[in-house]
C-alpha atoms as a PDB file:
ATOM      1  CA  MET A   1      73.672  66.911 130.485  1.00  0.00           C
ATOM      2  CA  THR A   2      74.955  68.777 133.801  1.00  0.00           C
ATOM      3  CA  ILE A   3      77.897  69.784 134.706  1.00  0.00           C
ATOM      4  CA  GLU A   4      79.182  69.920 138.372  1.00  0.00           C
ATOM      5  CA  GLN A   5      82.517  71.728 139.798  1.00  0.00           C
ATOM      6  CA  ILE A   6      83.979  70.707 142.147  1.00  0.00           C
ATOM      7  CA  ARG A   7      87.836  72.950 143.425  1.00  0.00           C
ATOM      8  CA  THR A   8      89.938  71.337 145.251  1.00  0.00           C
ATOM      9  CA  GLU A   9      93.374  73.082 146.498  1.00  0.00           C
ATOM     10  CA  ASP A  10      94.982  71.752 143.206  1.00  0.00           C
ATOM     11  CA  CYS A  11      92.830  70.981 140.761  1.00  0.00           C
ATOM     12  CA  LEU A  12      89.073  71.527 139.203  1.00  0.00           C
ATOM     13  CA  GLN A  13      86.956  68.348 138.551  1.00  0.00           C
ATOM     14  CA  LEU A  14      83.845  68.267 136.023  1.00  0.00           C
ATOM     15  CA  ASN A  15      81.323  65.614 136.715  1.00  0.00           C
ATOM     16  CA  VAL A  16      79.140  65.265 133.742  1.00  0.00           C
ATOM     17  CA  GLU A  17      76.199  63.755 133.671  1.00  0.00           C
ATOM     18  CA  GLY A  18      74.384  62.721 130.496  1.00  0.00           C
ATOM     19  CA  LYS A  19      75.266  62.113 126.942  1.00  0.00           C
ATOM     20  CA  ILE A  20      77.352  63.931 124.912  1.00  0.00           C
ATOM     21  CA  ASP A  21      76.599  64.772 121.649  1.00  0.00           C
ATOM     22  CA  THR A  22      75.963  66.800 119.221  1.00  0.00           C
ATOM     23  CA  LEU A  23      73.783  68.987 120.718  1.00  0.00           C
ATOM     24  CA  THR A  24      75.005  68.889 124.005  1.00  0.00           C
ATOM     25  CA  SER A  25      79.354  68.972 122.768  1.00  0.00           C
ATOM     26  CA  PRO A  26      78.997  72.739 122.995  1.00  0.00           C
ATOM     27  CA  GLU A  27      77.826  73.521 126.191  1.00  0.00           C
ATOM     28  CA  PHE A  28      80.452  70.680 127.509  1.00  0.00           C
ATOM     29  CA  GLN A  29      83.600  72.120 125.250  1.00  0.00           C
ATOM     30  CA  ASP A  30      82.684  75.388 126.808  1.00  0.00           C
ATOM     31  CA  ALA A  31      82.751  73.673 130.419  1.00  0.00           C
ATOM     32  CA  VAL A  32      86.049  72.305 129.798  1.00  0.00           C
ATOM     33  CA  LEU A  33      87.786  75.053 128.625  1.00  0.00           C
ATOM     34  CA  LYS A  34      86.591  78.098 130.794  1.00  0.00           C
ATOM     35  CA  SER A  35      87.730  75.344 133.532  1.00  0.00           C
ATOM     36  CA  PHE A  36      91.454  76.006 132.840  1.00  0.00           C
ATOM     37  CA  GLN A  37      90.746  79.855 133.635  1.00  0.00           C
ATOM     38  CA  LYS A  38      90.673  78.058 137.158  1.00  0.00           C
ATOM     39  CA  SER A  39      93.116  75.605 137.124  1.00  0.00           C
ATOM     40  CA  ASN A  40      95.684  74.077 135.056  1.00  0.00           C
ATOM     41  CA  ASN A  41      94.407  70.203 136.193  1.00  0.00           C
ATOM     42  CA  ILE A  42      91.510  68.970 135.204  1.00  0.00           C
ATOM     43  CA  ILE A  43      89.823  65.723 135.980  1.00  0.00           C
ATOM     44  CA  ILE A  44      86.922  64.841 134.167  1.00  0.00           C
ATOM     45  CA  ASN A  45      84.361  62.221 135.914  1.00  0.00           C
ATOM     46  CA  PHE A  46      82.823  60.101 133.178  1.00  0.00           C
ATOM     47  CA  ASP A  47      80.648  58.094 135.923  1.00  0.00           C
ATOM     48  CA  LYS A  48      77.357  59.499 134.453  1.00  0.00           C
ATOM     49  CA  VAL A  49      78.388  59.601 130.853  1.00  0.00           C
ATOM     50  CA  PRO A  50      76.888  57.184 128.906  1.00  0.00           C
ATOM     51  CA  TYR A  51      77.584  58.019 125.421  1.00  0.00           C
ATOM     52  CA  ILE A  52      80.169  60.275 123.332  1.00  0.00           C
ATOM     53  CA  SER A  53      79.958  61.485 119.801  1.00  0.00           C
ATOM     54  CA  SER A  54      82.831  62.504 117.620  1.00  0.00           C
ATOM     55  CA  ALA A  55      82.039  66.244 118.635  1.00  0.00           C
ATOM     56  CA  GLY A  56      82.760  65.026 122.338  1.00  0.00           C
ATOM     57  CA  LEU A  57      86.155  63.918 121.567  1.00  0.00           C
ATOM     58  CA  ARG A  58      86.913  67.258 119.795  1.00  0.00           C
ATOM     59  CA  ALA A  59      86.220  68.659 123.159  1.00  0.00           C
ATOM     60  CA  LEU A  60      88.343  66.079 124.684  1.00  0.00           C
ATOM     61  CA  ILE A  61      91.189  66.586 122.260  1.00  0.00           C
ATOM     62  CA  LEU A  62      91.167  70.752 122.586  1.00  0.00           C
ATOM     63  CA  GLY A  63      91.499  70.036 126.662  1.00  0.00           C
ATOM     64  CA  GLN A  64      94.436  67.795 126.564  1.00  0.00           C
ATOM     65  CA  ARG A  65      96.132  70.673 124.104  1.00  0.00           C
ATOM     66  CA  THR A  66      95.003  72.936 126.941  1.00  0.00           C
ATOM     67  CA  ALA A  67      96.639  71.433 129.720  1.00  0.00           C
ATOM     68  CA  SER A  68      99.069  70.625 127.475  1.00  0.00           C
ATOM     69  CA  SER A  69      99.690  74.273 126.425  1.00  0.00           C
ATOM     70  CA  LYS A  70      99.628  75.392 130.074  1.00  0.00           C
ATOM     71  CA  GLY A  71     102.160  73.087 131.290  1.00  0.00           C
ATOM     72  CA  GLY A  72      99.262  71.135 133.254  1.00  0.00           C
ATOM     73  CA  SER A  73      97.015  67.646 133.593  1.00  0.00           C
ATOM     74  CA  PHE A  74      93.830  67.229 131.623  1.00  0.00           C
ATOM     75  CA  THR A  75      92.797  63.292 133.287  1.00  0.00           C
ATOM     76  CA  LEU A  76      89.285  61.307 132.387  1.00  0.00           C
ATOM     77  CA  ILE A  77      88.187  59.147 135.779  1.00  0.00           C
ATOM     78  CA  ASN A  78      85.381  56.806 136.150  1.00  0.00           C
ATOM     79  CA  VAL A  79      85.064  55.737 132.282  1.00  0.00           C
ATOM     80  CA  SER A  80      82.567  53.000 131.346  1.00  0.00           C
ATOM     81  CA  PRO A  81      83.585  50.310 129.392  1.00  0.00           C
ATOM     82  CA  THR A  82      80.766  51.664 126.393  1.00  0.00           C
ATOM     83  CA  VAL A  83      82.788  55.167 126.673  1.00  0.00           C
ATOM     84  CA  TYR A  84      86.168  53.423 126.804  1.00  0.00           C
ATOM     85  CA  SER A  85      85.682  51.330 123.673  1.00  0.00           C
ATOM     86  CA  VAL A  86      84.993  54.586 121.875  1.00  0.00           C
ATOM     87  CA  PHE A  87      88.311  55.849 123.174  1.00  0.00           C
ATOM     88  CA  SER A  88      90.369  52.665 122.111  1.00  0.00           C
ATOM     89  CA  GLU A  89      88.793  52.260 118.702  1.00  0.00           C
ATOM     90  CA  THR A  90      89.589  55.685 117.393  1.00  0.00           C
ATOM     91  CA  GLY A  91      92.869  56.359 119.244  1.00  0.00           C
ATOM     92  CA  PHE A  92      91.691  58.705 121.998  1.00  0.00           C
ATOM     93  CA  ASP A  93      92.691  56.266 124.667  1.00  0.00           C
ATOM     94  CA  LYS A  94      97.296  56.602 123.608  1.00  0.00           C
ATOM     95  CA  ILE A  95      96.219  60.549 123.641  1.00  0.00           C
ATOM     96  CA  LEU A  96      94.109  60.777 126.412  1.00  0.00           C
ATOM     97  CA  THR A  97      94.908  60.246 130.453  1.00  0.00           C
ATOM     98  CA  ILE A  98      92.232  57.467 131.820  1.00  0.00           C
ATOM     99  CA  LYS A  99      92.436  56.359 135.149  1.00  0.00           C
END
């Protein structure tokens, strides 16, 4: 998994590439939480994420909670139908902002 950061004037976008699973979720979670040190508005680009496990879902919940506590935003973009089905089956589509 690789994570590229792109900073704009009002947000930080993380472009994630690869599976977010038990092995890679600690790195993903760390990147998500550290991104809030640079901006309160985070966008996660899932364009190149073919799979997410429950460990990855945990990182997303922590990101959402951090954004809420800072009065910021946490948005997922370019989510594939396969990954979206995981969000839908777990109810995460109701918790997260997915565009």
